[in-house]
C-alpha atoms as a PDB file:
ATOM      1  CA  MET A   1       7.230 -19.159 -15.512  1.00  0.00           C
ATOM      2  CA  PRO A   2       6.374 -19.157 -12.107  1.00  0.00           C
ATOM      3  CA  SER A   3       4.747 -22.367 -10.942  1.00  0.00           C
ATOM      4  CA  ILE A   4       1.171 -22.370  -8.662  1.00  0.00           C
ATOM      5  CA  ALA A   5       3.446 -23.562  -6.012  1.00  0.00           C
ATOM      6  CA  ASP A   6       6.120 -20.578  -6.221  1.00  0.00           C
ATOM      7  CA  ASN A   7       2.695 -18.138  -6.820  1.00  0.00           C
ATOM      8  CA  LEU A   8       1.175 -19.706  -3.669  1.00  0.00           C
ATOM      9  CA  ASN A   9       4.964 -19.536  -1.782  1.00  0.00           C
ATOM     10  CA  ARG A  10       5.182 -15.390  -2.832  1.00  0.00           C
ATOM     11  CA  GLU A  11       2.074 -14.646  -1.826  1.00  0.00           C
ATOM     12  CA  ARG A  12       1.590 -15.637   1.584  1.00  0.00           C
ATOM     13  CA  LYS A  13       4.628 -14.419   2.355  1.00  0.00           C
ATOM     14  CA  LYS A  14       3.349 -10.654   1.713  1.00  0.00           C
ATOM     15  CA  ILE A  15       0.012 -11.995   3.562  1.00  0.00           C
ATOM     16  CA  GLU A  16       2.547 -12.742   6.666  1.00  0.00           C
ATOM     17  CA  GLN A  17       4.257 -10.008   6.522  1.00  0.00           C
ATOM     18  CA  THR A  18       1.776  -7.663   5.783  1.00  0.00           C
ATOM     19  CA  LEU A  19       0.000  -9.159   8.940  1.00  0.00           C
ATOM     20  CA  GLN A  20       3.137  -8.840  11.194  1.00  0.00           C
ATOM     21  CA  ARG A  21       3.351  -5.237  10.305  1.00  0.00           C
ATOM     22  CA  CYS A  22      -0.511  -5.148  11.720  1.00  0.00           C
ATOM     23  CA  GLY A  23       0.587  -7.140  14.705  1.00  0.00           C
ATOM     24  CA  ARG A  24      -2.248  -9.777  13.401  1.00  0.00           C
ATOM     25  CA  THR A  25      -1.286 -13.638  12.211  1.00  0.00           C
ATOM     26  CA  ALA A  26      -1.828 -15.893   9.638  1.00  0.00           C
ATOM     27  CA  SER A  27      -4.358 -17.736  11.308  1.00  0.00           C
ATOM     28  CA  GLU A  28      -6.812 -14.891  11.514  1.00  0.00           C
ATOM     29  CA  VAL A  29      -7.504 -14.437   7.521  1.00  0.00           C
ATOM     30  CA  THR A  30      -9.081 -17.009   5.089  1.00  0.00           C
ATOM     31  CA  LEU A  31      -7.378 -17.029   1.579  1.00  0.00           C
ATOM     32  CA  VAL A  32     -10.166 -18.026  -0.957  1.00  0.00           C
ATOM     33  CA  ALA A  33      -8.370 -18.772  -4.647  1.00  0.00           C
ATOM     34  CA  VAL A  34     -10.465 -17.418  -7.074  1.00  0.00           C
ATOM     35  CA  THR A  35     -10.655 -20.571  -9.936  1.00  0.00           C
ATOM     36  CA  LYS A  36     -13.153 -18.583 -12.188  1.00  0.00           C
ATOM     37  CA  THR A  37     -12.367 -20.037 -15.707  1.00  0.00           C
ATOM     38  CA  HIS A  38      -9.316 -22.427 -14.870  1.00  0.00           C
ATOM     39  CA  PRO A  39      -9.754 -25.591 -15.692  1.00  0.00           C
ATOM     40  CA  VAL A  40     -10.508 -28.656 -13.133  1.00  0.00           C
ATOM     41  CA  GLU A  41      -6.375 -29.965 -13.285  1.00  0.00           C
ATOM     42  CA  VAL A  42      -5.171 -26.429 -12.372  1.00  0.00           C
ATOM     43  CA  VAL A  43      -7.891 -25.938  -9.384  1.00  0.00           C
ATOM     44  CA  GLU A  44      -6.997 -29.656  -8.108  1.00  0.00           C
ATOM     45  CA  GLU A  45      -3.203 -28.656  -8.220  1.00  0.00           C
ATOM     46  CA  ALA A  46      -3.750 -25.577  -6.119  1.00  0.00           C
ATOM     47  CA  LEU A  47      -5.673 -28.142  -3.167  1.00  0.00           C
ATOM     48  CA  ARG A  48      -3.148 -30.095  -3.141  1.00  0.00           C
ATOM     49  CA  LEU A  49      -0.546 -27.420  -2.416  1.00  0.00           C
ATOM     50  CA  GLY A  50      -2.463 -26.615   0.453  1.00  0.00           C
ATOM     51  CA  ILE A  51      -5.815 -24.425  -0.655  1.00  0.00           C
ATOM     52  CA  ARG A  52      -8.395 -24.563   1.522  1.00  0.00           C
ATOM     53  CA  HIS A  53     -11.282 -22.920  -0.183  1.00  0.00           C
ATOM     54  CA  ILE A  54     -11.815 -21.982  -3.846  1.00  0.00           C
ATOM     55  CA  GLY A  55     -14.504 -19.141  -5.422  1.00  0.00           C
ATOM     56  CA  GLU A  56     -16.163 -19.436  -8.894  1.00  0.00           C
ATOM     57  CA  ASN A  57     -18.332 -16.503  -9.661  1.00  0.00           C
ATOM     58  CA  LYS A  58     -20.603 -18.321 -12.546  1.00  0.00           C
ATOM     59  CA  VAL A  59     -23.047 -21.020 -11.166  1.00  0.00           C
ATOM     60  CA  GLN A  60     -22.905 -22.507 -14.796  1.00  0.00           C
ATOM     61  CA  GLU A  61     -18.816 -23.152 -14.753  1.00  0.00           C
ATOM     62  CA  ALA A  62     -18.999 -23.875 -11.015  1.00  0.00           C
ATOM     63  CA  LEU A  63     -21.692 -27.083 -11.492  1.00  0.00           C
ATOM     64  CA  ARG A  64     -19.430 -28.014 -14.422  1.00  0.00           C
ATOM     65  CA  LYS A  65     -15.976 -28.291 -12.201  1.00  0.00           C
ATOM     66  CA  ILE A  66     -17.072 -29.050  -8.893  1.00  0.00           C
ATOM     67  CA  PRO A  67     -18.559 -32.032  -8.888  1.00  0.00           C
ATOM     68  CA  LEU A  68     -15.150 -33.610 -11.320  1.00  0.00           C
ATOM     69  CA  LEU A  69     -12.709 -32.320  -8.578  1.00  0.00           C
ATOM     70  CA  SER A  70     -10.992 -35.018  -6.948  1.00  0.00           C
ATOM     71  CA  VAL A  71      -9.434 -33.348  -4.428  1.00  0.00           C
ATOM     72  CA  PRO A  72     -12.359 -32.031  -2.383  1.00  0.00           C
ATOM     73  CA  PRO A  73     -12.287 -28.366  -0.950  1.00  0.00           C
ATOM     74  CA  GLN A  74     -12.950 -27.842   2.703  1.00  0.00           C
ATOM     75  CA  GLY A  75     -15.255 -24.435   1.325  1.00  0.00           C
ATOM     76  CA  PHE A  76     -16.598 -23.616  -1.948  1.00  0.00           C
ATOM     77  CA  HIS A  77     -17.197 -20.104  -1.753  1.00  0.00           C
ATOM     78  CA  PHE A  78     -19.786 -17.981  -4.694  1.00  0.00           C
ATOM     79  CA  ILE A  79     -17.934 -14.823  -5.320  1.00  0.00           C
ATOM     80  CA  GLY A  80     -19.638 -13.623  -8.545  1.00  0.00           C
ATOM     81  CA  HIS A  81     -23.345 -11.574  -9.030  1.00  0.00           C
ATOM     82  CA  LEU A  82     -26.438 -14.194  -8.218  1.00  0.00           C
ATOM     83  CA  GLN A  83     -29.562 -14.759 -10.526  1.00  0.00           C
ATOM     84  CA  SER A  84     -32.602 -15.699  -9.101  1.00  0.00           C
ATOM     85  CA  ASN A  85     -33.123 -18.227 -11.834  1.00  0.00           C
ATOM     86  CA  LYS A  86     -29.231 -19.661 -10.803  1.00  0.00           C
ATOM     87  CA  ILE A  87     -30.148 -20.488  -7.272  1.00  0.00           C
ATOM     88  CA  ASN A  88     -31.522 -23.742  -6.761  1.00  0.00           C
ATOM     89  CA  ASN A  89     -28.358 -24.710  -9.131  1.00  0.00           C
ATOM     90  CA  LEU A  90     -25.904 -23.069  -6.836  1.00  0.00           C
ATOM     91  CA  LEU A  91     -27.587 -24.084  -3.442  1.00  0.00           C
ATOM     92  CA  SER A  92     -26.872 -27.814  -4.831  1.00  0.00           C
ATOM     93  CA  LEU A  93     -23.334 -26.882  -4.880  1.00  0.00           C
ATOM     94  CA  ASN A  94     -24.088 -26.556  -0.736  1.00  0.00           C
ATOM     95  CA  PRO A  95     -21.671 -23.512  -0.859  1.00  0.00           C
ATOM     96  CA  LEU A  96     -19.997 -22.744   2.458  1.00  0.00           C
ATOM     97  CA  LEU A  97     -20.646 -18.794   1.881  1.00  0.00           C
ATOM     98  CA  ILE A  98     -22.206 -16.608  -0.424  1.00  0.00           C
ATOM     99  CA  HIS A  99     -20.383 -13.110  -0.526  1.00  0.00           C
ATOM    100  CA  SER A 100     -22.983 -11.386  -3.021  1.00  0.00           C
ATOM    101  CA  VAL A 101     -26.190 -10.944  -2.167  1.00  0.00           C
ATOM    102  CA  ASP A 102     -26.791  -7.733  -3.082  1.00  0.00           C
ATOM    103  CA  SER A 103     -29.949  -6.667  -2.404  1.00  0.00           C
ATOM    104  CA  LEU A 104     -33.023  -7.648  -0.507  1.00  0.00           C
ATOM    105  CA  HIS A 105     -34.907  -9.133  -3.850  1.00  0.00           C
ATOM    106  CA  ILE A 106     -32.108 -11.738  -3.854  1.00  0.00           C
ATOM    107  CA  ALA A 107     -31.949 -12.508  -0.257  1.00  0.00           C
ATOM    108  CA  ARG A 108     -35.639 -13.276  -0.246  1.00  0.00           C
ATOM    109  CA  GLU A 109     -35.495 -15.195  -3.706  1.00  0.00           C
ATOM    110  CA  LEU A 110     -32.644 -17.004  -1.877  1.00  0.00           C
ATOM    111  CA  ASN A 111     -34.443 -17.589   1.536  1.00  0.00           C
ATOM    112  CA  ARG A 112     -37.384 -18.959  -0.381  1.00  0.00           C
ATOM    113  CA  SER A 113     -35.148 -21.303  -1.932  1.00  0.00           C
ATOM    114  CA  LEU A 114     -33.808 -22.279   0.984  1.00  0.00           C
ATOM    115  CA  GLY A 115     -36.998 -23.201   3.087  1.00  0.00           C
ATOM    116  CA  ARG A 116     -38.194 -25.306   0.110  1.00  0.00           C
ATOM    117  CA  LYS A 117     -35.091 -27.334   0.630  1.00  0.00           C
ATOM    118  CA  ASN A 118     -34.836 -27.339   4.455  1.00  0.00           C
ATOM    119  CA  LEU A 119     -31.517 -24.900   4.579  1.00  0.00           C
ATOM    120  CA  ILE A 120     -29.880 -22.771   6.331  1.00  0.00           C
ATOM    121  CA  GLN A 121     -26.901 -20.211   4.061  1.00  0.00           C
ATOM    122  CA  ASP A 122     -24.000 -18.399   5.482  1.00  0.00           C
ATOM    123  CA  ILE A 123     -24.067 -15.064   3.299  1.00  0.00           C
ATOM    124  CA  LEU A 124     -22.024 -12.295   3.036  1.00  0.00           C
ATOM    125  CA  VAL A 125     -24.132  -8.806   1.776  1.00  0.00           C
ATOM    126  CA  GLN A 126     -22.023  -7.175  -0.563  1.00  0.00           C
ATOM    127  CA  VAL A 127     -21.591  -3.423  -0.517  1.00  0.00           C
ATOM    128  CA  ASN A 128     -20.709  -1.255  -3.178  1.00  0.00           C
ATOM    129  CA  THR A 129     -18.422   1.110  -1.253  1.00  0.00           C
ATOM    130  CA  THR A 130     -16.929   2.829  -4.435  1.00  0.00           C
ATOM    131  CA  ALA A 131     -20.582   3.719  -5.748  1.00  0.00           C
ATOM    132  CA  GLU A 132     -19.761   2.543  -9.178  1.00  0.00           C
ATOM    133  CA  THR A 133     -22.206   1.603 -11.906  1.00  0.00           C
ATOM    134  CA  SER A 134     -21.130  -1.554 -12.772  1.00  0.00           C
ATOM    135  CA  LYS A 135     -20.248  -3.184  -9.807  1.00  0.00           C
ATOM    136  CA  SER A 136     -23.495  -4.788  -7.675  1.00  0.00           C
ATOM    137  CA  GLY A 137     -24.029  -4.396  -4.368  1.00  0.00           C
ATOM    138  CA  VAL A 138     -26.430  -2.484  -1.417  1.00  0.00           C
ATOM    139  CA  SER A 139     -25.100   1.348  -1.147  1.00  0.00           C
ATOM    140  CA  LEU A 140     -23.443   2.293   1.959  1.00  0.00           C
ATOM    141  CA  ALA A 141     -25.932   4.089   2.874  1.00  0.00           C
ATOM    142  CA  ASN A 142     -28.372   1.523   2.620  1.00  0.00           C
ATOM    143  CA  ALA A 143     -26.675  -1.137   3.898  1.00  0.00           C
ATOM    144  CA  GLU A 144     -27.272  -1.436   7.762  1.00  0.00           C
ATOM    145  CA  GLU A 145     -31.290  -1.144   6.688  1.00  0.00           C
ATOM    146  CA  MET A 146     -31.133  -3.705   4.320  1.00  0.00           C
ATOM    147  CA  ILE A 147     -29.186  -6.257   6.478  1.00  0.00           C
ATOM    148  CA  TRP A 148     -31.845  -5.564   9.241  1.00  0.00           C
ATOM    149  CA  GLN A 149     -34.276  -6.735   6.431  1.00  0.00           C
ATOM    150  CA  ILE A 150     -32.638  -9.927   5.543  1.00  0.00           C
ATOM    151  CA  ALA A 151     -31.815 -10.788   9.580  1.00  0.00           C
ATOM    152  CA  ALA A 152     -35.706 -11.340   9.182  1.00  0.00           C
ATOM    153  CA  LEU A 153     -35.170 -14.175   6.977  1.00  0.00           C
ATOM    154  CA  PRO A 154     -35.148 -17.382   8.618  1.00  0.00           C
ATOM    155  CA  CYS A 155     -32.985 -19.279   5.904  1.00  0.00           C
ATOM    156  CA  LEU A 156     -30.274 -16.526   5.735  1.00  0.00           C
ATOM    157  CA  ARG A 157     -27.377 -16.125   8.475  1.00  0.00           C
ATOM    158  CA  VAL A 158     -25.667 -13.096   8.054  1.00  0.00           C
ATOM    159  CA  ARG A 159     -22.123 -13.378   8.664  1.00  0.00           C
ATOM    160  CA  GLY A 160     -20.171 -10.621   7.316  1.00  0.00           C
ATOM    161  CA  LEU A 161     -19.654  -8.199   4.076  1.00  0.00           C
ATOM    162  CA  MET A 162     -17.883  -7.988   0.886  1.00  0.00           C
ATOM    163  CA  THR A 163     -16.727  -5.646  -1.333  1.00  0.00           C
ATOM    164  CA  ILE A 164     -14.724  -4.639  -4.845  1.00  0.00           C
ATOM    165  CA  GLY A 165     -12.096  -2.545  -4.446  1.00  0.00           C
ATOM    166  CA  LEU A 166     -11.844   0.873  -6.787  1.00  0.00           C
ATOM    167  CA  MET A 167     -10.265  -1.095  -9.630  1.00  0.00           C
ATOM    168  CA  SER A 168      -7.332   1.290  -9.821  1.00  0.00           C
ATOM    169  CA  ILE A 169      -3.524   0.789 -10.811  1.00  0.00           C
ATOM    170  CA  ASP A 170      -2.717   2.439  -7.607  1.00  0.00           C
ATOM    171  CA  ALA A 171      -4.068   0.369  -4.452  1.00  0.00           C
ATOM    172  CA  GLU A 172      -3.660   3.276  -2.222  1.00  0.00           C
ATOM    173  CA  ARG A 173      -6.822   4.508  -3.640  1.00  0.00           C
ATOM    174  CA  THR A 174      -8.828   2.079  -2.600  1.00  0.00           C
ATOM    175  CA  ARG A 175      -7.859   2.100   0.932  1.00  0.00           C
ATOM    176  CA  PRO A 176     -10.938   4.789   2.152  1.00  0.00           C
ATOM    177  CA  TYR A 177     -13.092   2.077   0.094  1.00  0.00           C
ATOM    178  CA  PHE A 178     -12.077  -0.639   2.317  1.00  0.00           C
ATOM    179  CA  ARG A 179     -12.220   1.558   4.956  1.00  0.00           C
ATOM    180  CA  GLN A 180     -15.429   2.886   4.882  1.00  0.00           C
ATOM    181  CA  LEU A 181     -16.515  -1.095   5.025  1.00  0.00           C
ATOM    182  CA  ARG A 182     -14.479  -2.034   7.826  1.00  0.00           C
ATOM    183  CA  GLU A 183     -16.089   0.944   9.636  1.00  0.00           C
ATOM    184  CA  LEU A 184     -19.730  -0.494   8.998  1.00  0.00           C
ATOM    185  CA  PHE A 185     -18.862  -4.186   9.995  1.00  0.00           C
ATOM    186  CA  ASP A 186     -17.478  -2.610  13.531  1.00  0.00           C
ATOM    187  CA  GLN A 187     -20.640  -0.302  13.511  1.00  0.00           C
ATOM    188  CA  LEU A 188     -23.566  -3.705  12.816  1.00  0.00           C
ATOM    189  CA  SER A 189     -21.151  -5.552  15.495  1.00  0.00           C
ATOM    190  CA  ARG A 190     -22.052  -3.288  18.102  1.00  0.00           C
ATOM    191  CA  GLN A 191     -25.655  -3.148  17.410  1.00  0.00           C
ATOM    192  CA  ASN A 192     -26.040  -7.343  17.822  1.00  0.00           C
ATOM    193  CA  ILE A 193     -28.797  -7.432  15.548  1.00  0.00           C
ATOM    194  CA  PRO A 194     -30.248 -10.864  16.027  1.00  0.00           C
ATOM    195  CA  GLY A 195     -29.229 -13.698  13.871  1.00  0.00           C
ATOM    196  CA  VAL A 196     -26.233 -11.762  12.547  1.00  0.00           C
ATOM    197  CA  GLU A 197     -23.438 -12.857  13.183  1.00  0.00           C
ATOM    198  CA  LEU A 198     -20.572 -10.716  11.972  1.00  0.00           C
ATOM    199  CA  LYS A 199     -17.224 -13.031  11.531  1.00  0.00           C
ATOM    200  CA  HIS A 200     -16.146 -12.317   7.962  1.00  0.00           C
ATOM    201  CA  LEU A 201     -14.425  -9.033   6.344  1.00  0.00           C
ATOM    202  CA  SER A 202     -14.395 -10.187   2.831  1.00  0.00           C
ATOM    203  CA  MET A 203     -12.082  -7.645   0.713  1.00  0.00           C
ATOM    204  CA  GLY A 204      -8.484  -7.373  -1.123  1.00  0.00           C
ATOM    205  CA  MET A 205      -7.907  -9.271  -4.327  1.00  0.00           C
ATOM    206  CA  SER A 206      -4.718  -9.631  -6.173  1.00  0.00           C
ATOM    207  CA  ASP A 207      -3.983  -6.264  -6.533  1.00  0.00           C
ATOM    208  CA  ASP A 208      -4.729  -4.293  -3.445  1.00  0.00           C
ATOM    209  CA  PHE A 209      -4.837  -7.486  -0.595  1.00  0.00           C
ATOM    210  CA  GLU A 210      -2.156  -6.094   1.409  1.00  0.00           C
ATOM    211  CA  VAL A 211      -4.028  -2.615   1.599  1.00  0.00           C
ATOM    212  CA  ALA A 212      -7.062  -4.476   2.421  1.00  0.00           C
ATOM    213  CA  LEU A 213      -5.754  -6.726   5.182  1.00  0.00           C
ATOM    214  CA  GLU A 214      -4.315  -3.333   6.640  1.00  0.00           C
ATOM    215  CA  GLU A 215      -7.905  -1.859   7.419  1.00  0.00           C
ATOM    216  CA  GLY A 216      -8.644  -4.744   8.881  1.00  0.00           C
ATOM    217  CA  SER A 217      -9.578  -7.945   6.307  1.00  0.00           C
ATOM    218  CA  ASN A 218      -9.478 -10.888   7.068  1.00  0.00           C
ATOM    219  CA  MET A 219     -11.074 -12.710   3.974  1.00  0.00           C
ATOM    220  CA  LEU A 220      -8.652 -12.624   0.831  1.00  0.00           C
ATOM    221  CA  ARG A 221     -10.417 -13.016  -3.123  1.00  0.00           C
ATOM    222  CA  LEU A 222      -7.068 -13.845  -4.925  1.00  0.00           C
ATOM    223  CA  GLY A 223      -6.605 -15.217  -8.637  1.00  0.00           C
ATOM    224  CA  SER A 224      -4.447 -13.907 -11.187  1.00  0.00           C
ATOM    225  CA  ALA A 225      -2.014 -13.129  -8.199  1.00  0.00           C
ATOM    226  CA  LEU A 226      -2.001 -17.412  -7.742  1.00  0.00           C
ATOM    227  CA  PHE A 227      -3.062 -18.606 -11.389  1.00  0.00           C
ATOM    228  CA  GLY A 228      -1.647 -15.970 -13.808  1.00  0.00           C
ATOM    229  CA  GLN A 229      -4.109 -14.182 -15.882  1.00  0.00           C
ATOM    230  CA  ARG A 230      -7.390 -15.770 -16.860  1.00  0.00           C
ATOM    231  CA  THR A 231      -7.798 -17.660 -19.874  1.00  0.00           C
ATOM    232  CA  PRO A 232     -11.683 -17.131 -20.759  1.00  0.00           C
ATOM    233  CA  GLY A 233     -13.347 -19.972 -22.241  1.00  0.00           C
ATOM    234  CA  GLY A 234     -10.348 -21.818 -20.468  1.00  0.00           C
ATOM    235  CA  ALA A 235     -12.933 -23.933 -17.972  1.00  0.00           C
ATOM    236  CA  GLN A 236     -13.862 -27.164 -18.714  1.00  0.00           C
END
């Protein structure tokens, strides 16, 4: 079975080769290692191997794991669906970036909690580009209006967009959805919305990140490609 080091080297080569084809450089892309369900020892090994950013999708699991890390990450990213009753717990972990602000309601609740703590939080707006009911996120049609509304919230800074591709064994089927998000990203960037500075386009996971890079992604969320298949309940 390949080691994490082997997996990391393999995936980094794929990333570099894809970016070279696109005339881009590796320095443009942030790799977020998705460590959900993996124990502290595995996360620490990845960090020792040079991973700088880790992503968790459940607040309770992150609360158990992150304080135990002896090798601190450069950035902790929250990438899962955020419930309002978990906001204060999440903020106690000082997330670098919350990828999954998927509604105006959760944005307002987050802003309210941040205001009480006198904090500012960088966020991404999650867009449901595939319009699948199983996924969270604002629709493409409503994303612009929601971002203008979030921009008025003083404790939130919109720093980009996130989407989850189409769950398919054929990554090419996801290309149109990635392209739509990049087009929205460019469209919003041209508007110079006060308080909005779009830096991050978070799209691309283990099965489709090469297509995502070709369509302009600059933030990847890789889990199984680095750690192998997840084992539910395996986090300690």
